[in-house]
Amino acid sequence: MAKGSLMVGWGEIIAGREKAAQATLNNAMQYCIRLQQEGKIDRFEVVVLEPHGSDLNGFVLITGDKVTIALLRADDEFVSVMVGVQLVHRNVRVVGANTGAELQSLFAMWDEQEEKLLAE
């Protein structure tokens, strides 16, 4: 079964929404825990970044079956959680990612495409 990952990132908290941001993060974490308990995802990891001059303050990396992860983005509950995050954070992003063994497949595709370019 092919694995896929999804990175959900966020920027600074919108001023005046600090308490709501804490509750929103808790809600999002409970959602991820439930997804994992139900077997819909394999795992998730929350990362909070130290100050570094970028607009990315932290992210959650969600990993599971590639198709299930892709479908998650269109799931109403996932979208609702993301809307909640957008109401308390700036620069919210949801980005597909390749990790672990899936990198081998990606690199193989890279090599294949590069060979095609060189053949032209």
N, C-alpha and C. Protein backbone atom coordinates (compact mmCIF):
# COMPACT_ATOMS: atom_id res chain seq x y z
N MET A 1 0.85 -1.18 0.00
CA MET A 1 0.00 0.00 0.00
C MET A 1 0.89 1.24 0.00
N ALA A 2 0.72 2.10 -0.99
CA ALA A 2 1.53 3.31 -1.11
C ALA A 2 1.17 4.29 0.00
N LYS A 3 2.19 4.94 0.52
CA LYS A 3 1.99 5.91 1.59
C LYS A 3 2.00 7.31 1.04
N GLY A 4 1.28 8.18 1.70
CA GLY A 4 1.25 9.59 1.35
C GLY A 4 1.28 10.41 2.61
N SER A 5 1.62 11.67 2.47
CA SER A 5 1.65 12.57 3.61
C SER A 5 1.02 13.90 3.23
N LEU A 6 0.57 14.58 4.24
CA LEU A 6 -0.06 15.87 4.08
C LEU A 6 0.52 16.78 5.15
N MET A 7 1.01 17.95 4.73
CA MET A 7 1.53 18.92 5.67
C MET A 7 0.51 20.04 5.82
N VAL A 8 0.08 20.26 7.05
CA VAL A 8 -0.83 21.37 7.34
C VAL A 8 -0.01 22.36 8.16
N GLY A 9 0.27 23.51 7.56
CA GLY A 9 1.10 24.50 8.22
C GLY A 9 0.32 25.75 8.59
N TRP A 10 0.86 26.49 9.53
CA TRP A 10 0.21 27.73 9.96
C TRP A 10 1.26 28.77 10.32
N GLY A 11 0.85 30.03 10.24
CA GLY A 11 1.70 31.14 10.60
C GLY A 11 1.29 31.72 11.94
N GLU A 12 1.55 33.01 12.09
CA GLU A 12 1.30 33.66 13.38
C GLU A 12 -0.19 33.66 13.73
N ILE A 13 -0.45 33.71 15.01
CA ILE A 13 -1.83 33.83 15.50
C ILE A 13 -2.31 35.24 15.21
N ILE A 14 -3.54 35.34 14.76
CA ILE A 14 -4.15 36.65 14.52
C ILE A 14 -4.37 37.33 15.87
N ALA A 15 -3.91 38.57 16.00
CA ALA A 15 -4.00 39.31 17.26
C ALA A 15 -5.43 39.30 17.80
N GLY A 16 -5.53 39.03 19.08
CA GLY A 16 -6.82 38.99 19.75
C GLY A 16 -7.50 37.63 19.71
N ARG A 17 -6.89 36.67 19.02
CA ARG A 17 -7.49 35.34 18.90
C ARG A 17 -6.63 34.26 19.57
N GLU A 18 -5.81 34.66 20.51
CA GLU A 18 -4.90 33.73 21.16
C GLU A 18 -5.63 32.59 21.89
N LYS A 19 -6.65 32.92 22.67
CA LYS A 19 -7.40 31.88 23.38
C LYS A 19 -8.13 30.96 22.41
N ALA A 20 -8.71 31.55 21.38
CA ALA A 20 -9.40 30.75 20.37
C ALA A 20 -8.40 29.86 19.63
N ALA A 21 -7.18 30.34 19.42
CA ALA A 21 -6.15 29.55 18.73
C ALA A 21 -5.80 28.31 19.55
N GLN A 22 -5.71 28.47 20.86
CA GLN A 22 -5.41 27.33 21.73
C GLN A 22 -6.52 26.28 21.63
N ALA A 23 -7.76 26.70 21.68
CA ALA A 23 -8.90 25.78 21.58
C ALA A 23 -8.95 25.13 20.19
N THR A 24 -8.63 25.89 19.16
CA THR A 24 -8.64 25.37 17.80
C THR A 24 -7.56 24.31 17.62
N LEU A 25 -6.37 24.55 18.16
CA LEU A 25 -5.29 23.56 18.07
C LEU A 25 -5.69 22.29 18.81
N ASN A 26 -6.30 22.43 19.97
CA ASN A 26 -6.75 21.26 20.73
C ASN A 26 -7.79 20.47 19.92
N ASN A 27 -8.72 21.17 19.29
CA ASN A 27 -9.73 20.52 18.46
C ASN A 27 -9.08 19.77 17.28
N ALA A 28 -8.11 20.40 16.65
CA ALA A 28 -7.42 19.78 15.51
C ALA A 28 -6.66 18.53 15.96
N MET A 29 -6.03 18.60 17.13
CA MET A 29 -5.28 17.45 17.63
C MET A 29 -6.22 16.30 17.98
N GLN A 30 -7.37 16.61 18.56
CA GLN A 30 -8.36 15.57 18.87
C GLN A 30 -8.86 14.92 17.59
N TYR A 31 -9.03 15.70 16.55
CA TYR A 31 -9.44 15.20 15.25
C TYR A 31 -8.39 14.23 14.71
N CYS A 32 -7.13 14.61 14.76
CA CYS A 32 -6.04 13.75 14.27
C CYS A 32 -5.94 12.46 15.10
N ILE A 33 -6.10 12.58 16.40
CA ILE A 33 -6.06 11.39 17.27
C ILE A 33 -7.18 10.44 16.88
N ARG A 34 -8.37 10.98 16.65
CA ARG A 34 -9.51 10.14 16.24
C ARG A 34 -9.26 9.47 14.90
N LEU A 35 -8.72 10.22 13.93
CA LEU A 35 -8.39 9.64 12.63
C LEU A 35 -7.43 8.46 12.78
N GLN A 36 -6.45 8.62 13.66
CA GLN A 36 -5.48 7.55 13.88
C GLN A 36 -6.14 6.36 14.57
N GLN A 37 -6.95 6.61 15.58
CA GLN A 37 -7.63 5.53 16.29
C GLN A 37 -8.58 4.76 15.37
N GLU A 38 -9.18 5.45 14.43
CA GLU A 38 -10.11 4.81 13.48
C GLU A 38 -9.37 4.13 12.34
N GLY A 39 -8.04 4.25 12.30
CA GLY A 39 -7.25 3.62 11.26
C GLY A 39 -7.27 4.37 9.94
N LYS A 40 -7.75 5.59 9.92
CA LYS A 40 -7.80 6.37 8.68
C LYS A 40 -6.44 6.96 8.33
N ILE A 41 -5.61 7.18 9.34
CA ILE A 41 -4.23 7.63 9.10
C ILE A 41 -3.31 6.74 9.92
N ASP A 42 -2.06 6.65 9.50
CA ASP A 42 -1.08 5.85 10.26
C ASP A 42 -0.57 6.61 11.46
N ARG A 43 -0.25 7.88 11.23
CA ARG A 43 0.32 8.68 12.31
C ARG A 43 0.26 10.15 11.94
N PHE A 44 0.54 10.98 12.94
CA PHE A 44 0.69 12.41 12.71
C PHE A 44 1.72 12.93 13.69
N GLU A 45 2.38 13.99 13.29
CA GLU A 45 3.36 14.62 14.16
C GLU A 45 3.17 16.13 14.11
N VAL A 46 3.11 16.74 15.28
CA VAL A 46 2.98 18.19 15.39
C VAL A 46 4.36 18.78 15.60
N VAL A 47 4.69 19.80 14.83
CA VAL A 47 5.98 20.46 14.92
C VAL A 47 5.74 21.95 15.10
N VAL A 48 6.30 22.52 16.17
CA VAL A 48 6.26 23.96 16.39
C VAL A 48 7.69 24.46 16.19
N LEU A 49 7.84 25.42 15.31
CA LEU A 49 9.16 25.91 14.94
C LEU A 49 9.61 27.05 15.84
N GLU A 50 10.92 27.12 16.07
CA GLU A 50 11.46 28.26 16.80
C GLU A 50 11.46 29.47 15.87
N PRO A 51 11.53 30.68 16.41
CA PRO A 51 11.54 31.86 15.55
C PRO A 51 12.67 31.78 14.53
N HIS A 52 12.32 32.05 13.25
CA HIS A 52 13.32 31.93 12.19
C HIS A 52 13.11 32.92 11.04
N GLY A 53 12.19 33.87 11.20
CA GLY A 53 12.01 34.90 10.19
C GLY A 53 11.12 34.54 9.03
N SER A 54 10.43 33.41 9.10
CA SER A 54 9.54 32.99 8.04
C SER A 54 8.10 33.13 8.52
N ASP A 55 7.15 32.93 7.62
CA ASP A 55 5.74 33.00 8.00
C ASP A 55 5.19 31.63 8.40
N LEU A 56 6.05 30.63 8.52
CA LEU A 56 5.62 29.30 8.96
C LEU A 56 6.02 29.12 10.42
N ASN A 57 5.02 29.04 11.30
CA ASN A 57 5.29 28.88 12.73
C ASN A 57 5.23 27.44 13.18
N GLY A 58 4.52 26.60 12.44
CA GLY A 58 4.43 25.19 12.82
C GLY A 58 3.65 24.42 11.78
N PHE A 59 3.63 23.11 11.96
CA PHE A 59 2.88 22.28 11.03
C PHE A 59 2.57 20.93 11.66
N VAL A 60 1.60 20.24 11.06
CA VAL A 60 1.28 18.87 11.40
C VAL A 60 1.56 18.06 10.14
N LEU A 61 2.30 16.97 10.30
CA LEU A 61 2.55 16.07 9.18
C LEU A 61 1.69 14.83 9.42
N ILE A 62 0.74 14.60 8.52
CA ILE A 62 -0.19 13.48 8.61
C ILE A 62 0.24 12.45 7.56
N THR A 63 0.36 11.18 7.97
CA THR A 63 0.82 10.14 7.06
C THR A 63 -0.14 8.96 7.09
N GLY A 64 -0.37 8.38 5.91
CA GLY A 64 -1.24 7.21 5.79
C GLY A 64 -1.28 6.72 4.36
N ASP A 65 -2.28 5.92 4.06
CA ASP A 65 -2.49 5.43 2.70
C ASP A 65 -2.64 6.63 1.76
N LYS A 66 -1.94 6.57 0.63
CA LYS A 66 -1.87 7.68 -0.31
C LYS A 66 -3.26 8.15 -0.77
N VAL A 67 -4.12 7.22 -1.12
CA VAL A 67 -5.46 7.57 -1.59
C VAL A 67 -6.30 8.16 -0.45
N THR A 68 -6.21 7.54 0.71
CA THR A 68 -6.97 8.04 1.86
C THR A 68 -6.54 9.45 2.23
N ILE A 69 -5.24 9.70 2.19
CA ILE A 69 -4.73 11.04 2.50
C ILE A 69 -5.23 12.04 1.46
N ALA A 70 -5.24 11.65 0.20
CA ALA A 70 -5.73 12.54 -0.86
C ALA A 70 -7.21 12.86 -0.65
N LEU A 71 -7.99 11.85 -0.29
CA LEU A 71 -9.43 12.05 -0.08
C LEU A 71 -9.71 12.88 1.17
N LEU A 72 -8.81 12.82 2.12
CA LEU A 72 -8.98 13.56 3.37
C LEU A 72 -9.15 15.05 3.09
N ARG A 73 -8.44 15.56 2.11
CA ARG A 73 -8.48 16.99 1.79
C ARG A 73 -9.88 17.46 1.39
N ALA A 74 -10.70 16.55 0.85
CA ALA A 74 -12.05 16.91 0.42
C ALA A 74 -13.11 16.55 1.46
N ASP A 75 -12.70 15.91 2.55
CA ASP A 75 -13.64 15.50 3.59
C ASP A 75 -14.19 16.73 4.32
N ASP A 76 -15.51 16.79 4.50
CA ASP A 76 -16.15 17.95 5.12
C ASP A 76 -15.60 18.26 6.50
N GLU A 77 -15.35 17.24 7.30
CA GLU A 77 -14.85 17.50 8.65
C GLU A 77 -13.43 18.08 8.60
N PHE A 78 -12.59 17.55 7.71
CA PHE A 78 -11.24 18.09 7.55
C PHE A 78 -11.31 19.56 7.13
N VAL A 79 -12.15 19.85 6.14
CA VAL A 79 -12.30 21.23 5.66
C VAL A 79 -12.79 22.13 6.79
N SER A 80 -13.72 21.65 7.60
CA SER A 80 -14.23 22.43 8.72
C SER A 80 -13.12 22.74 9.73
N VAL A 81 -12.28 21.75 10.02
CA VAL A 81 -11.16 21.97 10.94
C VAL A 81 -10.22 23.02 10.34
N MET A 82 -9.97 22.94 9.04
CA MET A 82 -9.08 23.90 8.38
C MET A 82 -9.65 25.32 8.40
N VAL A 83 -10.96 25.43 8.22
CA VAL A 83 -11.61 26.75 8.30
C VAL A 83 -11.40 27.32 9.70
N GLY A 84 -11.56 26.49 10.73
CA GLY A 84 -11.31 26.94 12.10
C GLY A 84 -9.89 27.45 12.28
N VAL A 85 -8.93 26.74 11.72
CA VAL A 85 -7.52 27.15 11.82
C VAL A 85 -7.31 28.48 11.09
N GLN A 86 -7.94 28.64 9.93
CA GLN A 86 -7.79 29.89 9.17
C GLN A 86 -8.36 31.10 9.91
N LEU A 87 -9.32 30.86 10.78
CA LEU A 87 -9.92 31.97 11.53
C LEU A 87 -9.04 32.47 12.67
N VAL A 88 -8.01 31.70 13.04
CA VAL A 88 -7.15 32.11 14.15
C VAL A 88 -5.68 32.26 13.77
N HIS A 89 -5.29 31.76 12.60
CA HIS A 89 -3.89 31.85 12.15
C HIS A 89 -3.80 32.46 10.76
N ARG A 90 -2.71 33.12 10.51
CA ARG A 90 -2.41 33.62 9.18
C ARG A 90 -1.64 32.53 8.41
N ASN A 91 -1.64 32.64 7.11
CA ASN A 91 -0.80 31.79 6.25
C ASN A 91 -0.99 30.29 6.47
N VAL A 92 -2.24 29.86 6.50
CA VAL A 92 -2.55 28.44 6.63
C VAL A 92 -2.35 27.79 5.27
N ARG A 93 -1.73 26.61 5.27
CA ARG A 93 -1.48 25.89 4.02
C ARG A 93 -1.68 24.40 4.22
N VAL A 94 -2.15 23.75 3.18
CA VAL A 94 -2.30 22.30 3.16
C VAL A 94 -1.57 21.82 1.91
N VAL A 95 -0.50 21.03 2.12
CA VAL A 95 0.38 20.67 1.02
C VAL A 95 0.64 19.17 1.05
N GLY A 96 0.46 18.51 -0.08
CA GLY A 96 0.83 17.10 -0.20
C GLY A 96 2.34 16.96 -0.06
N ALA A 97 2.77 15.84 0.52
CA ALA A 97 4.20 15.64 0.75
C ALA A 97 4.59 14.19 0.49
N ASN A 98 5.85 13.98 0.19
CA ASN A 98 6.41 12.65 0.01
C ASN A 98 7.42 12.41 1.12
N THR A 99 7.31 11.27 1.77
CA THR A 99 8.22 10.94 2.87
C THR A 99 8.61 9.47 2.79
N GLY A 100 9.64 9.12 3.53
CA GLY A 100 10.02 7.72 3.68
C GLY A 100 10.24 7.01 2.36
N ALA A 101 9.70 5.80 2.25
CA ALA A 101 9.89 4.95 1.08
C ALA A 101 9.31 5.58 -0.18
N GLU A 102 8.33 6.46 -0.04
CA GLU A 102 7.73 7.10 -1.21
C GLU A 102 8.74 7.98 -1.94
N LEU A 103 9.78 8.39 -1.26
CA LEU A 103 10.81 9.19 -1.93
C LEU A 103 11.51 8.40 -3.03
N GLN A 104 11.66 7.09 -2.82
CA GLN A 104 12.28 6.26 -3.85
C GLN A 104 11.46 6.30 -5.14
N SER A 105 10.15 6.21 -5.01
CA SER A 105 9.27 6.29 -6.19
C SER A 105 9.37 7.66 -6.85
N LEU A 106 9.41 8.70 -6.04
CA LEU A 106 9.52 10.05 -6.57
C LEU A 106 10.85 10.22 -7.33
N PHE A 107 11.93 9.75 -6.74
CA PHE A 107 13.24 9.87 -7.38
C PHE A 107 13.31 9.04 -8.66
N ALA A 108 12.65 7.89 -8.68
CA ALA A 108 12.60 7.07 -9.89
C ALA A 108 11.86 7.83 -11.00
N MET A 109 10.76 8.49 -10.65
CA MET A 109 10.04 9.30 -11.63
C MET A 109 10.91 10.45 -12.12
N TRP A 110 11.65 11.05 -11.20
CA TRP A 110 12.55 12.15 -11.55
C TRP A 110 13.57 11.67 -12.59
N ASP A 111 14.19 10.52 -12.31
CA ASP A 111 15.18 9.97 -13.24
C ASP A 111 14.57 9.67 -14.60
N GLU A 112 13.37 9.10 -14.60
CA GLU A 112 12.67 8.78 -15.85
C GLU A 112 12.41 10.04 -16.67
N GLN A 113 11.92 11.07 -16.00
CA GLN A 113 11.62 12.33 -16.70
C GLN A 113 12.89 13.01 -17.19
N GLU A 114 13.93 12.91 -16.39
CA GLU A 114 15.20 13.51 -16.79
C GLU A 114 15.77 12.81 -18.03
N GLU A 115 15.65 11.49 -18.08
CA GLU A 115 16.10 10.73 -19.26
C GLU A 115 15.32 11.14 -20.50
N LYS A 116 14.02 11.36 -20.36
CA LYS A 116 13.20 11.81 -21.48
C LYS A 116 13.67 13.16 -21.98
N LEU A 117 13.98 14.06 -21.07
CA LEU A 117 14.46 15.39 -21.45
C LEU A 117 15.78 15.32 -22.21
N LEU A 118 16.66 14.46 -21.71
CA LEU A 118 17.98 14.34 -22.33
C LEU A 118 17.90 13.68 -23.70
N ALA A 119 16.88 12.85 -23.91
CA ALA A 119 16.71 12.15 -25.19
C ALA A 119 16.16 13.08 -26.27
N GLU A 120 15.59 14.18 -25.89
CA GLU A 120 14.97 15.11 -26.87
C GLU A 120 15.98 15.95 -27.57
